[in-house]
Amino acid sequence: MAYDDGSAHVIGMGGAVTMSLGSPERAAWHYGRRKGISARLVWLDPGAGAAFTRAEAA
């Protein structure tokens, strides 16, 4: 989740890892550098919900 001050809170798959970071981009960098893991940011329209399949979210 990204906040108005630019910071972000990230919860990894399964909830085992949580991080508070200075920016959402920092979360993408952190996850993206791990072997076998890819990372991407998804920005949602504030007034709309999102529905992802497990494969789309991975």
N, C-alpha and C. Protein backbone atom coordinates (compact mmCIF):
# COMPACT_ATOMS: atom_id res chain seq x y z
N MET A 1 0.85 -1.15 0.00
CA MET A 1 0.00 0.00 0.00
C MET A 1 0.90 1.23 0.00
N ALA A 2 0.62 2.16 -0.89
CA ALA A 2 1.38 3.41 -0.95
C ALA A 2 0.62 4.50 -0.21
N TYR A 3 1.35 5.33 0.51
CA TYR A 3 0.75 6.40 1.30
C TYR A 3 1.04 7.76 0.68
N ASP A 4 0.28 8.76 1.07
CA ASP A 4 0.42 10.11 0.52
C ASP A 4 1.81 10.70 0.74
N ASP A 5 2.51 10.28 1.79
CA ASP A 5 3.85 10.80 2.05
C ASP A 5 4.93 10.12 1.21
N GLY A 6 4.52 9.18 0.34
CA GLY A 6 5.47 8.50 -0.54
C GLY A 6 5.95 7.16 -0.01
N SER A 7 5.69 6.87 1.25
CA SER A 7 6.14 5.60 1.82
C SER A 7 5.21 4.46 1.39
N ALA A 8 5.62 3.24 1.67
CA ALA A 8 4.83 2.08 1.27
C ALA A 8 4.94 0.99 2.32
N HIS A 9 3.89 0.19 2.43
CA HIS A 9 3.88 -0.98 3.30
C HIS A 9 3.60 -2.17 2.41
N VAL A 10 4.43 -3.20 2.52
CA VAL A 10 4.34 -4.35 1.64
C VAL A 10 4.16 -5.62 2.47
N ILE A 11 3.26 -6.47 2.02
CA ILE A 11 3.07 -7.78 2.63
C ILE A 11 3.31 -8.81 1.55
N GLY A 12 4.27 -9.71 1.77
CA GLY A 12 4.60 -10.73 0.79
C GLY A 12 3.56 -11.84 0.74
N MET A 13 3.64 -12.64 -0.32
CA MET A 13 2.73 -13.78 -0.46
C MET A 13 2.78 -14.63 0.80
N GLY A 14 1.65 -15.01 1.29
CA GLY A 14 1.57 -15.84 2.49
C GLY A 14 1.68 -15.04 3.78
N GLY A 15 2.01 -13.76 3.68
CA GLY A 15 2.06 -12.90 4.85
C GLY A 15 3.29 -13.08 5.74
N ALA A 16 4.26 -13.89 5.30
CA ALA A 16 5.43 -14.16 6.13
C ALA A 16 6.39 -12.97 6.20
N VAL A 17 6.38 -12.12 5.18
CA VAL A 17 7.29 -10.98 5.13
C VAL A 17 6.47 -9.70 5.06
N THR A 18 6.75 -8.75 5.93
CA THR A 18 6.16 -7.42 5.86
C THR A 18 7.27 -6.40 5.93
N MET A 19 7.12 -5.32 5.17
CA MET A 19 8.15 -4.28 5.15
C MET A 19 7.49 -2.92 5.09
N SER A 20 8.08 -1.96 5.75
CA SER A 20 7.72 -0.56 5.60
C SER A 20 8.91 0.11 4.92
N LEU A 21 8.67 0.72 3.77
CA LEU A 21 9.75 1.24 2.95
C LEU A 21 9.49 2.70 2.57
N GLY A 22 10.54 3.34 2.08
CA GLY A 22 10.45 4.74 1.71
C GLY A 22 9.65 5.00 0.46
N SER A 23 9.49 4.00 -0.40
CA SER A 23 8.72 4.18 -1.63
C SER A 23 8.27 2.82 -2.17
N PRO A 24 7.23 2.81 -2.98
CA PRO A 24 6.81 1.56 -3.61
C PRO A 24 7.88 0.99 -4.53
N GLU A 25 8.62 1.88 -5.20
CA GLU A 25 9.69 1.43 -6.09
C GLU A 25 10.77 0.66 -5.33
N ARG A 26 10.99 1.03 -4.10
CA ARG A 26 11.97 0.33 -3.27
C ARG A 26 11.52 -1.10 -3.00
N ALA A 27 10.22 -1.30 -2.84
CA ALA A 27 9.68 -2.65 -2.65
C ALA A 27 9.92 -3.49 -3.90
N ALA A 28 9.67 -2.91 -5.07
CA ALA A 28 9.91 -3.63 -6.33
C ALA A 28 11.38 -3.99 -6.45
N TRP A 29 12.27 -3.09 -6.08
CA TRP A 29 13.71 -3.38 -6.13
C TRP A 29 14.06 -4.52 -5.18
N HIS A 30 13.55 -4.46 -3.96
CA HIS A 30 13.88 -5.46 -2.95
C HIS A 30 13.45 -6.86 -3.39
N TYR A 31 12.22 -6.99 -3.85
CA TYR A 31 11.73 -8.30 -4.28
C TYR A 31 12.35 -8.73 -5.60
N GLY A 32 12.58 -7.78 -6.49
CA GLY A 32 13.12 -8.09 -7.81
C GLY A 32 14.54 -8.62 -7.81
N ARG A 33 15.29 -8.43 -6.77
CA ARG A 33 16.68 -8.89 -6.73
C ARG A 33 16.82 -10.31 -6.19
N ARG A 34 15.74 -10.91 -5.74
CA ARG A 34 15.79 -12.28 -5.22
C ARG A 34 15.67 -13.28 -6.36
N LYS A 35 16.45 -14.31 -6.31
CA LYS A 35 16.46 -15.33 -7.35
C LYS A 35 15.10 -16.03 -7.41
N GLY A 36 14.57 -16.16 -8.63
CA GLY A 36 13.32 -16.86 -8.84
C GLY A 36 12.07 -16.06 -8.50
N ILE A 37 12.22 -14.79 -8.16
CA ILE A 37 11.08 -13.95 -7.80
C ILE A 37 11.06 -12.74 -8.72
N SER A 38 9.90 -12.40 -9.23
CA SER A 38 9.76 -11.18 -10.01
C SER A 38 8.85 -10.23 -9.23
N ALA A 39 9.00 -8.97 -9.50
CA ALA A 39 8.21 -7.97 -8.79
C ALA A 39 7.67 -6.95 -9.77
N ARG A 40 6.50 -6.45 -9.47
CA ARG A 40 5.93 -5.37 -10.27
C ARG A 40 4.99 -4.56 -9.39
N LEU A 41 4.81 -3.32 -9.78
CA LEU A 41 3.89 -2.43 -9.09
C LEU A 41 2.59 -2.38 -9.87
N VAL A 42 1.48 -2.40 -9.16
CA VAL A 42 0.17 -2.30 -9.79
C VAL A 42 -0.54 -1.11 -9.15
N TRP A 43 -0.89 -0.14 -9.98
CA TRP A 43 -1.58 1.05 -9.48
C TRP A 43 -3.06 0.91 -9.85
N LEU A 44 -3.91 0.99 -8.86
CA LEU A 44 -5.35 0.85 -9.06
C LEU A 44 -6.04 2.19 -9.05
N ASP A 45 -7.13 2.29 -9.78
CA ASP A 45 -7.98 3.46 -9.74
C ASP A 45 -8.57 3.53 -8.33
N PRO A 46 -8.42 4.65 -7.62
CA PRO A 46 -8.89 4.72 -6.23
C PRO A 46 -10.36 4.33 -6.03
N GLY A 47 -11.20 4.55 -7.03
CA GLY A 47 -12.61 4.24 -6.86
C GLY A 47 -13.01 2.85 -7.34
N ALA A 48 -12.05 2.09 -7.84
CA ALA A 48 -12.37 0.78 -8.41
C ALA A 48 -11.69 -0.32 -7.62
N GLY A 49 -12.27 -1.47 -7.65
CA GLY A 49 -11.64 -2.64 -7.04
C GLY A 49 -10.83 -3.38 -8.09
N ALA A 50 -10.11 -4.37 -7.67
CA ALA A 50 -9.32 -5.18 -8.58
C ALA A 50 -9.59 -6.65 -8.33
N ALA A 51 -9.61 -7.40 -9.39
CA ALA A 51 -9.77 -8.85 -9.27
C ALA A 51 -8.69 -9.51 -10.12
N PHE A 52 -7.79 -10.20 -9.46
CA PHE A 52 -6.70 -10.88 -10.14
C PHE A 52 -6.82 -12.38 -9.91
N THR A 53 -6.47 -13.15 -10.92
CA THR A 53 -6.31 -14.57 -10.69
C THR A 53 -4.96 -14.75 -10.02
N ARG A 54 -4.72 -15.89 -9.41
CA ARG A 54 -3.43 -16.15 -8.77
C ARG A 54 -2.28 -16.03 -9.76
N ALA A 55 -2.47 -16.50 -11.00
CA ALA A 55 -1.42 -16.42 -12.01
C ALA A 55 -1.12 -14.97 -12.40
N GLU A 56 -2.15 -14.13 -12.49
CA GLU A 56 -1.94 -12.72 -12.83
C GLU A 56 -1.21 -11.99 -11.71
N ALA A 57 -1.47 -12.35 -10.48
CA ALA A 57 -0.85 -11.68 -9.35
C ALA A 57 0.58 -12.13 -9.13
N ALA A 58 0.97 -13.26 -9.66
CA ALA A 58 2.32 -13.80 -9.46
C ALA A 58 3.33 -13.11 -10.31
